[in-house]
Amino acid sequence: MSSAMDELEARARAQLDGLREVNEKLAAISVRETSPDDRVTAEVDGVGALTGLWFSPTAHAIGATELGDLVVATASTAAAHAFARRAAVLEDFNESFTELVASRPGGERPRSPIGTTPYSSAS
C-alpha cells in the first residue's frame, strides 16, 4: 500500500474508533437524583428515560398528589443532569471529530473536483 492509502486507512480507523467511543460514553450515562426531602430517588439514562425509582419509608405520609409531583420533579432534575452530561460528551466528540475530518495530508482542505458544477446542464 502507498503511504497515502495507509494514511487514509488510519484516518478512517480513527474516525470509527471515535464513533464507537462516543457511543459507549453515551450508553454509559446514568444519573441518580434524590429529592430535597429524601423521600424520592429517581435514576435516568442518557436519554432521560426513567430506569429506577425508590421511595423512602416516609414517602406515603405526604399524599398521592404531592408524591406524584415530587417524583416528576426529581426525575426531571435527573434528566436535566443526564442531558448536560450527554451534551458535554457530544461537544467533546464534535470538536475532536471535526479536527480529525478536517485534517488532510500536508494540511490541505478538501476541495471539489475540477470542472464539476452541481445541477448544471449543457445547452
PDB file of N, CA and C in Angstrom:
ATOM      1  N   MET A   1       0.830  -1.193   0.000  1.00  0.00           N
ATOM      2  CA  MET A   1       0.000   0.000   0.000  1.00  0.00           C
ATOM      3  C   MET A   1       0.865   1.245   0.000  1.00  0.00           C
ATOM      4  N   SER A   2       0.360   2.261  -0.615  1.00  0.00           N
ATOM      5  CA  SER A   2       1.090   3.520  -0.624  1.00  0.00           C
ATOM      6  C   SER A   2       0.893   4.220   0.709  1.00  0.00           C
ATOM      7  N   SER A   3       1.768   5.172   0.963  1.00  0.00           N
ATOM      8  CA  SER A   3       1.657   5.905   2.227  1.00  0.00           C
ATOM      9  C   SER A   3       0.357   6.707   2.287  1.00  0.00           C
ATOM     10  N   ALA A   4      -0.126   7.193   1.137  1.00  0.00           N
ATOM     11  CA  ALA A   4      -1.391   7.932   1.117  1.00  0.00           C
ATOM     12  C   ALA A   4      -2.554   7.018   1.509  1.00  0.00           C
ATOM     13  N   MET A   5      -2.544   5.787   1.006  1.00  0.00           N
ATOM     14  CA  MET A   5      -3.594   4.830   1.368  1.00  0.00           C
ATOM     15  C   MET A   5      -3.483   4.436   2.833  1.00  0.00           C
ATOM     16  N   ASP A   6      -2.257   4.258   3.308  1.00  0.00           N
ATOM     17  CA  ASP A   6      -2.052   3.931   4.725  1.00  0.00           C
ATOM     18  C   ASP A   6      -2.608   5.040   5.612  1.00  0.00           C
ATOM     19  N   GLU A   7      -2.346   6.282   5.215  1.00  0.00           N
ATOM     20  CA  GLU A   7      -2.832   7.420   5.992  1.00  0.00           C
ATOM     21  C   GLU A   7      -4.356   7.495   5.942  1.00  0.00           C
ATOM     22  N   LEU A   8      -4.929   7.259   4.781  1.00  0.00           N
ATOM     23  CA  LEU A   8      -6.382   7.274   4.639  1.00  0.00           C
ATOM     24  C   LEU A   8      -7.017   6.192   5.509  1.00  0.00           C
ATOM     25  N   GLU A   9      -6.433   5.012   5.478  1.00  0.00           N
ATOM     26  CA  GLU A   9      -6.950   3.910   6.298  1.00  0.00           C
ATOM     27  C   GLU A   9      -6.832   4.235   7.788  1.00  0.00           C
ATOM     28  N   ALA A  10      -5.730   4.824   8.195  1.00  0.00           N
ATOM     29  CA  ALA A  10      -5.531   5.190   9.602  1.00  0.00           C
ATOM     30  C   ALA A  10      -6.549   6.244  10.034  1.00  0.00           C
ATOM     31  N   ARG A  11      -6.809   7.227   9.166  1.00  0.00           N
ATOM     32  CA  ARG A  11      -7.795   8.266   9.494  1.00  0.00           C
ATOM     33  C   ARG A  11      -9.191   7.665   9.606  1.00  0.00           C
ATOM     34  N   ALA A  12      -9.542   6.768   8.688  1.00  0.00           N
ATOM     35  CA  ALA A  12     -10.859   6.127   8.734  1.00  0.00           C
ATOM     36  C   ALA A  12     -11.000   5.290  10.004  1.00  0.00           C
ATOM     37  N   ARG A  13      -9.956   4.578  10.361  1.00  0.00           N
ATOM     38  CA  ARG A  13      -9.975   3.771  11.586  1.00  0.00           C
ATOM     39  C   ARG A  13     -10.131   4.672  12.815  1.00  0.00           C
ATOM     40  N   ALA A  14      -9.426   5.788  12.837  1.00  0.00           N
ATOM     41  CA  ALA A  14      -9.527   6.724  13.964  1.00  0.00           C
ATOM     42  C   ALA A  14     -10.944   7.300  14.060  1.00  0.00           C
ATOM     43  N   GLN A  15     -11.557   7.587  12.919  1.00  0.00           N
ATOM     44  CA  GLN A  15     -12.926   8.108  12.921  1.00  0.00           C
ATOM     45  C   GLN A  15     -13.903   7.062  13.461  1.00  0.00           C
ATOM     46  N   LEU A  16     -13.758   5.820  13.026  1.00  0.00           N
ATOM     47  CA  LEU A  16     -14.625   4.748  13.525  1.00  0.00           C
ATOM     48  C   LEU A  16     -14.422   4.523  15.018  1.00  0.00           C
ATOM     49  N   ASP A  17     -13.174   4.550  15.455  1.00  0.00           N
ATOM     50  CA  ASP A  17     -12.887   4.400  16.886  1.00  0.00           C
ATOM     51  C   ASP A  17     -13.537   5.522  17.686  1.00  0.00           C
ATOM     52  N   GLY A  18     -13.488   6.733  17.155  1.00  0.00           N
ATOM     53  CA  GLY A  18     -14.121   7.867  17.823  1.00  0.00           C
ATOM     54  C   GLY A  18     -15.625   7.696  17.932  1.00  0.00           C
ATOM     55  N   LEU A  19     -16.245   7.189  16.873  1.00  0.00           N
ATOM     56  CA  LEU A  19     -17.687   6.938  16.899  1.00  0.00           C
ATOM     57  C   LEU A  19     -18.044   5.865  17.922  1.00  0.00           C
ATOM     58  N   ARG A  20     -17.257   4.796  17.954  1.00  0.00           N
ATOM     59  CA  ARG A  20     -17.502   3.734  18.941  1.00  0.00           C
ATOM     60  C   ARG A  20     -17.365   4.267  20.362  1.00  0.00           C
ATOM     61  N   GLU A  21     -16.328   5.056  20.585  1.00  0.00           N
ATOM     62  CA  GLU A  21     -16.074   5.598  21.917  1.00  0.00           C
ATOM     63  C   GLU A  21     -17.213   6.507  22.379  1.00  0.00           C
ATOM     64  N   VAL A  22     -17.686   7.378  21.507  1.00  0.00           N
ATOM     65  CA  VAL A  22     -18.775   8.278  21.906  1.00  0.00           C
ATOM     66  C   VAL A  22     -20.053   7.485  22.154  1.00  0.00           C
ATOM     67  N   ASN A  23     -20.293   6.445  21.374  1.00  0.00           N
ATOM     68  CA  ASN A  23     -21.460   5.593  21.604  1.00  0.00           C
ATOM     69  C   ASN A  23     -21.397   4.930  22.973  1.00  0.00           C
ATOM     70  N   GLU A  24     -20.220   4.430  23.337  1.00  0.00           N
ATOM     71  CA  GLU A  24     -20.043   3.792  24.643  1.00  0.00           C
ATOM     72  C   GLU A  24     -20.251   4.796  25.772  1.00  0.00           C
ATOM     73  N   LYS A  25     -19.717   5.993  25.610  1.00  0.00           N
ATOM     74  CA  LYS A  25     -19.879   7.022  26.645  1.00  0.00           C
ATOM     75  C   LYS A  25     -21.342   7.414  26.807  1.00  0.00           C
ATOM     76  N   LEU A  26     -22.053   7.565  25.697  1.00  0.00           N
ATOM     77  CA  LEU A  26     -23.469   7.933  25.768  1.00  0.00           C
ATOM     78  C   LEU A  26     -24.290   6.818  26.412  1.00  0.00           C
ATOM     79  N   ALA A  27     -23.980   5.571  26.056  1.00  0.00           N
ATOM     80  CA  ALA A  27     -24.713   4.438  26.624  1.00  0.00           C
ATOM     81  C   ALA A  27     -24.456   4.280  28.119  1.00  0.00           C
ATOM     82  N   ALA A  28     -23.311   4.751  28.588  1.00  0.00           N
ATOM     83  CA  ALA A  28     -22.944   4.596  29.998  1.00  0.00           C
ATOM     84  C   ALA A  28     -23.526   5.683  30.902  1.00  0.00           C
ATOM     85  N   ILE A  29     -24.136   6.694  30.332  1.00  0.00           N
ATOM     86  CA  ILE A  29     -24.666   7.785  31.161  1.00  0.00           C
ATOM     87  C   ILE A  29     -25.826   7.273  32.013  1.00  0.00           C
ATOM     88  N   SER A  30     -25.724   7.529  33.299  1.00  0.00           N
ATOM     89  CA  SER A  30     -26.771   7.195  34.255  1.00  0.00           C
ATOM     90  C   SER A  30     -26.697   8.218  35.379  1.00  0.00           C
ATOM     91  N   VAL A  31     -27.820   8.811  35.704  1.00  0.00           N
ATOM     92  CA  VAL A  31     -27.849   9.841  36.745  1.00  0.00           C
ATOM     93  C   VAL A  31     -28.909   9.470  37.773  1.00  0.00           C
ATOM     94  N   ARG A  32     -28.527   9.558  39.032  1.00  0.00           N
ATOM     95  CA  ARG A  32     -29.451   9.297  40.137  1.00  0.00           C
ATOM     96  C   ARG A  32     -29.590  10.570  40.960  1.00  0.00           C
ATOM     97  N   GLU A  33     -30.815  11.002  41.163  1.00  0.00           N
ATOM     98  CA  GLU A  33     -31.112  12.209  41.944  1.00  0.00           C
ATOM     99  C   GLU A  33     -32.067  11.861  43.073  1.00  0.00           C
ATOM    100  N   THR A  34     -31.863  12.510  44.198  1.00  0.00           N
ATOM    101  CA  THR A  34     -32.756  12.349  45.344  1.00  0.00           C
ATOM    102  C   THR A  34     -33.426  13.686  45.633  1.00  0.00           C
ATOM    103  N   SER A  35     -34.704  13.624  45.955  1.00  0.00           N
ATOM    104  CA  SER A  35     -35.453  14.849  46.252  1.00  0.00           C
ATOM    105  C   SER A  35     -34.873  15.531  47.488  1.00  0.00           C
ATOM    106  N   PRO A  36     -35.073  16.835  47.612  1.00  0.00           N
ATOM    107  CA  PRO A  36     -34.523  17.573  48.759  1.00  0.00           C
ATOM    108  C   PRO A  36     -34.963  17.016  50.117  1.00  0.00           C
ATOM    109  N   ASP A  37     -36.159  16.414  50.170  1.00  0.00           N
ATOM    110  CA  ASP A  37     -36.634  15.857  51.444  1.00  0.00           C
ATOM    111  C   ASP A  37     -36.269  14.378  51.622  1.00  0.00           C
ATOM    112  N   ASP A  38     -35.487  13.836  50.697  1.00  0.00           N
ATOM    113  CA  ASP A  38     -35.014  12.439  50.729  1.00  0.00           C
ATOM    114  C   ASP A  38     -36.129  11.392  50.607  1.00  0.00           C
ATOM    115  N   ARG A  39     -37.297  11.770  50.139  1.00  0.00           N
ATOM    116  CA  ARG A  39     -38.399  10.809  50.038  1.00  0.00           C
ATOM    117  C   ARG A  39     -38.399  10.040  48.718  1.00  0.00           C
ATOM    118  N   VAL A  40     -37.828  10.633  47.676  1.00  0.00           N
ATOM    119  CA  VAL A  40     -37.847  10.020  46.344  1.00  0.00           C
ATOM    120  C   VAL A  40     -36.448  10.054  45.746  1.00  0.00           C
ATOM    121  N   THR A  41     -36.052   8.939  45.139  1.00  0.00           N
ATOM    122  CA  THR A  41     -34.820   8.883  44.361  1.00  0.00           C
ATOM    123  C   THR A  41     -35.184   8.360  42.975  1.00  0.00           C
ATOM    124  N   ALA A  42     -34.753   9.074  41.956  1.00  0.00           N
ATOM    125  CA  ALA A  42     -35.029   8.692  40.570  1.00  0.00           C
ATOM    126  C   ALA A  42     -33.711   8.524  39.831  1.00  0.00           C
ATOM    127  N   GLU A  43     -33.671   7.522  38.973  1.00  0.00           N
ATOM    128  CA  GLU A  43     -32.489   7.269  38.143  1.00  0.00           C
ATOM    129  C   GLU A  43     -32.924   7.278  36.683  1.00  0.00           C
ATOM    130  N   VAL A  44     -32.133   7.961  35.846  1.00  0.00           N
ATOM    131  CA  VAL A  44     -32.431   8.030  34.414  1.00  0.00           C
ATOM    132  C   VAL A  44     -31.186   7.678  33.606  1.00  0.00           C
ATOM    133  N   ASP A  45     -31.414   7.302  32.348  1.00  0.00           N
ATOM    134  CA  ASP A  45     -30.294   7.023  31.450  1.00  0.00           C
ATOM    135  C   ASP A  45     -29.952   8.272  30.642  1.00  0.00           C
ATOM    136  N   GLY A  46     -29.095   8.110  29.656  1.00  0.00           N
ATOM    137  CA  GLY A  46     -28.602   9.239  28.875  1.00  0.00           C
ATOM    138  C   GLY A  46     -29.628   9.933  28.004  1.00  0.00           C
ATOM    139  N   VAL A  47     -30.778   9.308  27.778  1.00  0.00           N
ATOM    140  CA  VAL A  47     -31.839   9.959  27.009  1.00  0.00           C
ATOM    141  C   VAL A  47     -32.979  10.412  27.914  1.00  0.00           C
ATOM    142  N   GLY A  48     -32.752  10.348  29.232  1.00  0.00           N
ATOM    143  CA  GLY A  48     -33.737  10.826  30.190  1.00  0.00           C
ATOM    144  C   GLY A  48     -34.811   9.825  30.564  1.00  0.00           C
ATOM    145  N   ALA A  49     -34.688   8.580  30.087  1.00  0.00           N
ATOM    146  CA  ALA A  49     -35.684   7.555  30.424  1.00  0.00           C
ATOM    147  C   ALA A  49     -35.481   7.090  31.865  1.00  0.00           C
ATOM    148  N   LEU A  50     -36.563   6.953  32.579  1.00  0.00           N
ATOM    149  CA  LEU A  50     -36.521   6.518  33.966  1.00  0.00           C
ATOM    150  C   LEU A  50     -36.092   5.054  34.028  1.00  0.00           C
ATOM    151  N   THR A  51     -35.015   4.776  34.754  1.00  0.00           N
ATOM    152  CA  THR A  51     -34.508   3.406  34.879  1.00  0.00           C
ATOM    153  C   THR A  51     -34.610   2.878  36.300  1.00  0.00           C
ATOM    154  N   GLY A  52     -34.923   3.754  37.242  1.00  0.00           N
ATOM    155  CA  GLY A  52     -35.081   3.327  38.627  1.00  0.00           C
ATOM    156  C   GLY A  52     -35.846   4.369  39.419  1.00  0.00           C
ATOM    157  N   LEU A  53     -36.612   3.899  40.388  1.00  0.00           N
ATOM    158  CA  LEU A  53     -37.395   4.802  41.229  1.00  0.00           C
ATOM    159  C   LEU A  53     -37.511   4.175  42.613  1.00  0.00           C
ATOM    160  N   TRP A  54     -37.099   4.922  43.634  1.00  0.00           N
ATOM    161  CA  TRP A  54     -37.117   4.434  45.007  1.00  0.00           C
ATOM    162  C   TRP A  54     -37.828   5.437  45.900  1.00  0.00           C
ATOM    163  N   PHE A  55     -38.526   4.902  46.900  1.00  0.00           N
ATOM    164  CA  PHE A  55     -39.238   5.733  47.868  1.00  0.00           C
ATOM    165  C   PHE A  55     -38.724   5.436  49.267  1.00  0.00           C
ATOM    166  N   SER A  56     -38.635   6.482  50.076  1.00  0.00           N
ATOM    167  CA  SER A  56     -38.257   6.286  51.476  1.00  0.00           C
ATOM    168  C   SER A  56     -39.471   5.744  52.239  1.00  0.00           C
ATOM    169  N   PRO A  57     -39.251   5.187  53.417  1.00  0.00           N
ATOM    170  CA  PRO A  57     -40.372   4.685  54.207  1.00  0.00           C
ATOM    171  C   PRO A  57     -41.388   5.775  54.577  1.00  0.00           C
ATOM    172  N   THR A  58     -40.989   7.033  54.538  1.00  0.00           N
ATOM    173  CA  THR A  58     -41.904   8.127  54.898  1.00  0.00           C
ATOM    174  C   THR A  58     -42.602   8.746  53.687  1.00  0.00           C
ATOM    175  N   ALA A  59     -42.367   8.228  52.509  1.00  0.00           N
ATOM    176  CA  ALA A  59     -42.933   8.822  51.289  1.00  0.00           C
ATOM    177  C   ALA A  59     -44.458   8.825  51.308  1.00  0.00           C
ATOM    178  N   HIS A  60     -45.063   7.803  51.875  1.00  0.00           N
ATOM    179  CA  HIS A  60     -46.532   7.705  51.887  1.00  0.00           C
ATOM    180  C   HIS A  60     -47.196   8.801  52.721  1.00  0.00           C
ATOM    181  N   ALA A  61     -46.452   9.427  53.585  1.00  0.00           N
ATOM    182  CA  ALA A  61     -47.020  10.410  54.512  1.00  0.00           C
ATOM    183  C   ALA A  61     -47.428  11.723  53.841  1.00  0.00           C
ATOM    184  N   ILE A  62     -46.969  11.984  52.636  1.00  0.00           N
ATOM    185  CA  ILE A  62     -47.244  13.294  52.024  1.00  0.00           C
ATOM    186  C   ILE A  62     -48.454  13.300  51.091  1.00  0.00           C
ATOM    187  N   GLY A  63     -49.046  12.180  50.840  1.00  0.00           N
ATOM    188  CA  GLY A  63     -50.219  12.144  49.963  1.00  0.00           C
ATOM    189  C   GLY A  63     -49.845  11.885  48.513  1.00  0.00           C
ATOM    190  N   ALA A  64     -50.788  11.316  47.785  1.00  0.00           N
ATOM    191  CA  ALA A  64     -50.530  10.865  46.416  1.00  0.00           C
ATOM    192  C   ALA A  64     -50.185  11.998  45.456  1.00  0.00           C
ATOM    193  N   THR A  65     -50.923  13.090  45.508  1.00  0.00           N
ATOM    194  CA  THR A  65     -50.681  14.193  44.571  1.00  0.00           C
ATOM    195  C   THR A  65     -49.313  14.814  44.796  1.00  0.00           C
ATOM    196  N   GLU A  66     -48.993  15.091  46.043  1.00  0.00           N
ATOM    197  CA  GLU A  66     -47.691  15.687  46.353  1.00  0.00           C
ATOM    198  C   GLU A  66     -46.554  14.716  46.029  1.00  0.00           C
ATOM    199  N   LEU A  67     -46.781  13.428  46.310  1.00  0.00           N
ATOM    200  CA  LEU A  67     -45.757  12.427  45.995  1.00  0.00           C
ATOM    201  C   LEU A  67     -45.552  12.339  44.481  1.00  0.00           C
ATOM    202  N   GLY A  68     -46.640  12.365  43.726  1.00  0.00           N
ATOM    203  CA  GLY A  68     -46.532  12.347  42.267  1.00  0.00           C
ATOM    204  C   GLY A  68     -45.755  13.541  41.740  1.00  0.00           C
ATOM    205  N   ASP A  69     -46.050  14.711  42.291  1.00  0.00           N
ATOM    206  CA  ASP A  69     -45.319  15.918  41.889  1.00  0.00           C
ATOM    207  C   ASP A  69     -43.838  15.805  42.230  1.00  0.00           C
ATOM    208  N   LEU A  70     -43.549  15.207  43.389  1.00  0.00           N
ATOM    209  CA  LEU A  70     -42.162  15.039  43.821  1.00  0.00           C
ATOM    210  C   LEU A  70     -41.419  14.064  42.908  1.00  0.00           C
ATOM    211  N   VAL A  71     -42.097  13.001  42.486  1.00  0.00           N
ATOM    212  CA  VAL A  71     -41.495  12.041  41.554  1.00  0.00           C
ATOM    213  C   VAL A  71     -41.157  12.739  40.240  1.00  0.00           C
ATOM    214  N   VAL A  72     -42.101  13.491  39.705  1.00  0.00           N
ATOM    215  CA  VAL A  72     -41.882  14.187  38.432  1.00  0.00           C
ATOM    216  C   VAL A  72     -40.742  15.195  38.553  1.00  0.00           C
ATOM    217  N   ALA A  73     -40.737  15.967  39.625  1.00  0.00           N
ATOM    218  CA  ALA A  73     -39.683  16.977  39.809  1.00  0.00           C
ATOM    219  C   ALA A  73     -38.307  16.328  39.955  1.00  0.00           C
ATOM    220  N   THR A  74     -38.241  15.246  40.715  1.00  0.00           N
ATOM    221  CA  THR A  74     -36.954  14.572  40.934  1.00  0.00           C
ATOM    222  C   THR A  74     -36.456  13.921  39.647  1.00  0.00           C
ATOM    223  N   ALA A  75     -37.353  13.263  38.927  1.00  0.00           N
ATOM    224  CA  ALA A  75     -36.971  12.644  37.656  1.00  0.00           C
ATOM    225  C   ALA A  75     -36.564  13.704  36.632  1.00  0.00           C
ATOM    226  N   SER A  76     -37.240  14.837  36.638  1.00  0.00           N
ATOM    227  CA  SER A  76     -36.891  15.929  35.714  1.00  0.00           C
ATOM    228  C   SER A  76     -35.508  16.490  36.013  1.00  0.00           C
ATOM    229  N   THR A  77     -35.188  16.619  37.283  1.00  0.00           N
ATOM    230  CA  THR A  77     -33.855  17.097  37.667  1.00  0.00           C
ATOM    231  C   THR A  77     -32.789  16.103  37.217  1.00  0.00           C
ATOM    232  N   ALA A  78     -33.054  14.817  37.429  1.00  0.00           N
ATOM    233  CA  ALA A  78     -32.106  13.788  36.991  1.00  0.00           C
ATOM    234  C   ALA A  78     -31.924  13.835  35.474  1.00  0.00           C
ATOM    235  N   ALA A  79     -33.028  13.981  34.743  1.00  0.00           N
ATOM    236  CA  ALA A  79     -32.955  14.043  33.279  1.00  0.00           C
ATOM    237  C   ALA A  79     -32.163  15.260  32.819  1.00  0.00           C
ATOM    238  N   ALA A  80     -32.360  16.392  33.471  1.00  0.00           N
ATOM    239  CA  ALA A  80     -31.607  17.599  33.101  1.00  0.00           C
ATOM    240  C   ALA A  80     -30.108  17.382  33.290  1.00  0.00           C
ATOM    241  N   HIS A  81     -29.726  16.711  34.380  1.00  0.00           N
ATOM    242  CA  HIS A  81     -28.302  16.421  34.599  1.00  0.00           C
ATOM    243  C   HIS A  81     -27.773  15.413  33.572  1.00  0.00           C
ATOM    244  N   ALA A  82     -28.600  14.434  33.211  1.00  0.00           N
ATOM    245  CA  ALA A  82     -28.193  13.469  32.184  1.00  0.00           C
ATOM    246  C   ALA A  82     -28.000  14.163  30.840  1.00  0.00           C
ATOM    247  N   PHE A  83     -28.898  15.086  30.510  1.00  0.00           N
ATOM    248  CA  PHE A  83     -28.777  15.817  29.247  1.00  0.00           C
ATOM    249  C   PHE A  83     -27.526  16.691  29.237  1.00  0.00           C
ATOM    250  N   ALA A  84     -27.182  17.250  30.378  1.00  0.00           N
ATOM    251  CA  ALA A  84     -25.958  18.059  30.461  1.00  0.00           C
ATOM    252  C   ALA A  84     -24.728  17.189  30.235  1.00  0.00           C
ATOM    253  N   ARG A  85     -24.725  15.991  30.816  1.00  0.00           N
ATOM    254  CA  ARG A  85     -23.599  15.067  30.579  1.00  0.00           C
ATOM    255  C   ARG A  85     -23.540  14.658  29.116  1.00  0.00           C
ATOM    256  N   ARG A  86     -24.705  14.370  28.543  1.00  0.00           N
ATOM    257  CA  ARG A  86     -24.772  13.982  27.129  1.00  0.00           C
ATOM    258  C   ARG A  86     -24.233  15.105  26.238  1.00  0.00           C
ATOM    259  N   ALA A  87     -24.625  16.326  26.529  1.00  0.00           N
ATOM    260  CA  ALA A  87     -24.159  17.472  25.746  1.00  0.00           C
ATOM    261  C   ALA A  87     -22.649  17.624  25.845  1.00  0.00           C
ATOM    262  N   ALA A  88     -22.087  17.413  27.033  1.00  0.00           N
ATOM    263  CA  ALA A  88     -20.635  17.527  27.203  1.00  0.00           C
ATOM    264  C   ALA A  88     -19.906  16.454  26.400  1.00  0.00           C
ATOM    265  N   VAL A  89     -20.422  15.224  26.421  1.00  0.00           N
ATOM    266  CA  VAL A  89     -19.811  14.135  25.647  1.00  0.00           C
ATOM    267  C   VAL A  89     -19.862  14.468  24.161  1.00  0.00           C
ATOM    268  N   LEU A  90     -21.007  14.923  23.686  1.00  0.00           N
ATOM    269  CA  LEU A  90     -21.157  15.234  22.262  1.00  0.00           C
ATOM    270  C   LEU A  90     -20.326  16.441  21.844  1.00  0.00           C
ATOM    271  N   GLU A  91     -20.203  17.416  22.719  1.00  0.00           N
ATOM    272  CA  GLU A  91     -19.374  18.585  22.404  1.00  0.00           C
ATOM    273  C   GLU A  91     -17.909  18.180  22.250  1.00  0.00           C
ATOM    274  N   ASP A  92     -17.415  17.362  23.176  1.00  0.00           N
ATOM    275  CA  ASP A  92     -16.033  16.877  23.069  1.00  0.00           C
ATOM    276  C   ASP A  92     -15.841  16.074  21.788  1.00  0.00           C
ATOM    277  N   PHE A  93     -16.808  15.205  21.493  1.00  0.00           N
ATOM    278  CA  PHE A  93     -16.726  14.395  20.284  1.00  0.00           C
ATOM    279  C   PHE A  93     -16.723  15.277  19.040  1.00  0.00           C
ATOM    280  N   ASN A  94     -17.625  16.239  18.971  1.00  0.00           N
ATOM    281  CA  ASN A  94     -17.705  17.111  17.794  1.00  0.00           C
ATOM    282  C   ASN A  94     -16.403  17.857  17.555  1.00  0.00           C
ATOM    283  N   GLU A  95     -15.794  18.355  18.616  1.00  0.00           N
ATOM    284  CA  GLU A  95     -14.517  19.065  18.468  1.00  0.00           C
ATOM    285  C   GLU A  95     -13.435  18.140  17.926  1.00  0.00           C
ATOM    286  N   SER A  96     -13.285  16.969  18.544  1.00  0.00           N
ATOM    287  CA  SER A  96     -12.211  16.070  18.111  1.00  0.00           C
ATOM    288  C   SER A  96     -12.493  15.493  16.727  1.00  0.00           C
ATOM    289  N   PHE A  97     -13.749  15.176  16.427  1.00  0.00           N
ATOM    290  CA  PHE A  97     -14.083  14.600  15.132  1.00  0.00           C
ATOM    291  C   PHE A  97     -13.923  15.629  14.024  1.00  0.00           C
ATOM    292  N   THR A  98     -14.303  16.864  14.281  1.00  0.00           N
ATOM    293  CA  THR A  98     -14.147  17.927  13.286  1.00  0.00           C
ATOM    294  C   THR A  98     -12.682  18.124  12.941  1.00  0.00           C
ATOM    295  N   GLU A  99     -11.834  18.125  13.958  1.00  0.00           N
ATOM    296  CA  GLU A  99     -10.393  18.263  13.714  1.00  0.00           C
ATOM    297  C   GLU A  99      -9.864  17.091  12.896  1.00  0.00           C
ATOM    298  N   LEU A 100     -10.321  15.883  13.227  1.00  0.00           N
ATOM    299  CA  LEU A 100      -9.849  14.693  12.523  1.00  0.00           C
ATOM    300  C   LEU A 100     -10.306  14.698  11.066  1.00  0.00           C
ATOM    301  N   VAL A 101     -11.554  15.033  10.826  1.00  0.00           N
ATOM    302  CA  VAL A 101     -12.079  15.050   9.459  1.00  0.00           C
ATOM    303  C   VAL A 101     -11.420  16.148   8.636  1.00  0.00           C
ATOM    304  N   ALA A 102     -11.166  17.297   9.260  1.00  0.00           N
ATOM    305  CA  ALA A 102     -10.588  18.432   8.540  1.00  0.00           C
ATOM    306  C   ALA A 102      -9.113  18.235   8.227  1.00  0.00           C
ATOM    307  N   SER A 103      -8.442  17.386   8.974  1.00  0.00           N
ATOM    308  CA  SER A 103      -7.007  17.203   8.731  1.00  0.00           C
ATOM    309  C   SER A 103      -6.799  16.429   7.436  1.00  0.00           C
ATOM    310  N   ARG A 104      -5.893  16.909   6.643  1.00  0.00           N
ATOM    311  CA  ARG A 104      -5.566  16.288   5.361  1.00  0.00           C
ATOM    312  C   ARG A 104      -4.052  16.208   5.258  1.00  0.00           C
ATOM    313  N   PRO A 105      -3.553  15.309   4.454  1.00  0.00           N
ATOM    314  CA  PRO A 105      -2.109  15.252   4.256  1.00  0.00           C
ATOM    315  C   PRO A 105      -1.580  16.601   3.788  1.00  0.00           C
ATOM    316  N   GLY A 106      -0.537  17.076   4.402  1.00  0.00           N
ATOM    317  CA  GLY A 106       0.068  18.342   4.016  1.00  0.00           C
ATOM    318  C   GLY A 106      -0.764  19.546   4.413  1.00  0.00           C
ATOM    319  N   GLY A 107      -1.776  19.351   5.260  1.00  0.00           N
ATOM    320  CA  GLY A 107      -2.600  20.461   5.722  1.00  0.00           C
ATOM    321  C   GLY A 107      -3.627  20.929   4.716  1.00  0.00           C
ATOM    322  N   GLU A 108      -3.819  20.189   3.614  1.00  0.00           N
ATOM    323  CA  GLU A 108      -4.784  20.587   2.588  1.00  0.00           C
ATOM    324  C   GLU A 108      -6.207  20.403   3.094  1.00  0.00           C
ATOM    325  N   ARG A 109      -7.116  21.211   2.577  1.00  0.00           N
ATOM    326  CA  ARG A 109      -8.538  21.082   2.874  1.00  0.00           C
ATOM    327  C   ARG A 109      -9.196  20.373   1.691  1.00  0.00           C
ATOM    328  N   PRO A 110     -10.281  19.651   1.923  1.00  0.00           N
ATOM    329  CA  PRO A 110     -10.975  19.001   0.806  1.00  0.00           C
ATOM    330  C   PRO A 110     -11.462  20.038  -0.204  1.00  0.00           C
ATOM    331  N   ARG A 111     -11.476  19.671  -1.477  1.00  0.00           N
ATOM    332  CA  ARG A 111     -11.963  20.602  -2.495  1.00  0.00           C
ATOM    333  C   ARG A 111     -12.802  19.836  -3.513  1.00  0.00           C
ATOM    334  N   SER A 112     -13.578  20.585  -4.272  1.00  0.00           N
ATOM    335  CA  SER A 112     -14.443  19.985  -5.285  1.00  0.00           C
ATOM    336  C   SER A 112     -13.611  19.535  -6.471  1.00  0.00           C
ATOM    337  N   PRO A 113     -14.055  18.482  -7.143  1.00  0.00           N
ATOM    338  CA  PRO A 113     -13.351  18.057  -8.357  1.00  0.00           C
ATOM    339  C   PRO A 113     -13.379  19.165  -9.402  1.00  0.00           C
ATOM    340  N   ILE A 114     -12.311  19.272 -10.166  1.00  0.00           N
ATOM    341  CA  ILE A 114     -12.201  20.308 -11.198  1.00  0.00           C
ATOM    342  C   ILE A 114     -13.232  20.049 -12.291  1.00  0.00           C
ATOM    343  N   GLY A 115     -13.886  21.144 -12.712  1.00  0.00           N
ATOM    344  CA  GLY A 115     -14.810  21.048 -13.833  1.00  0.00           C
ATOM    345  C   GLY A 115     -16.195  20.537 -13.488  1.00  0.00           C
ATOM    346  N   THR A 116     -16.499  20.377 -12.208  1.00  0.00           N
ATOM    347  CA  THR A 116     -17.844  19.912 -11.877  1.00  0.00           C
ATOM    348  C   THR A 116     -18.648  21.055 -11.294  1.00  0.00           C
ATOM    349  N   THR A 117     -19.851  21.158 -11.750  1.00  0.00           N
ATOM    350  CA  THR A 117     -20.783  22.135 -11.215  1.00  0.00           C
ATOM    351  C   THR A 117     -22.085  21.393 -10.953  1.00  0.00           C
ATOM    352  N   PRO A 118     -22.474  21.279  -9.692  1.00  0.00           N
ATOM    353  CA  PRO A 118     -23.699  20.537  -9.399  1.00  0.00           C
ATOM    354  C   PRO A 118     -24.903  21.168 -10.087  1.00  0.00           C
ATOM    355  N   TYR A 119     -25.776  20.327 -10.591  1.00  0.00           N
ATOM    356  CA  TYR A 119     -27.045  20.731 -11.179  1.00  0.00           C
ATOM    357  C   TYR A 119     -26.904  21.632 -12.403  1.00  0.00           C
ATOM    358  N   SER A 120     -25.770  21.576 -13.085  1.00  0.00           N
ATOM    359  CA  SER A 120     -25.651  22.374 -14.309  1.00  0.00           C
ATOM    360  C   SER A 120     -26.074  21.512 -15.492  1.00  0.00           C
ATOM    361  N   SER A 121     -26.564  22.164 -16.509  1.00  0.00           N
ATOM    362  CA  SER A 121     -26.940  21.427 -17.713  1.00  0.00           C
ATOM    363  C   SER A 121     -26.279  22.083 -18.911  1.00  0.00           C
ATOM    364  N   ALA A 122     -25.860  21.252 -19.831  1.00  0.00           N
ATOM    365  CA  ALA A 122     -25.233  21.775 -21.049  1.00  0.00           C
ATOM    366  C   ALA A 122     -26.330  22.150 -22.032  1.00  0.00           C
ATOM    367  N   SER A 123     -26.192  23.306 -22.695  1.00  0.00           N
ATOM    368  CA  SER A 123     -27.214  23.754 -23.653  1.00  0.00           C
ATOM    369  C   SER A 123     -26.848  23.378 -25.038  1.00  0.00           C
TER     370      SER A 123
END
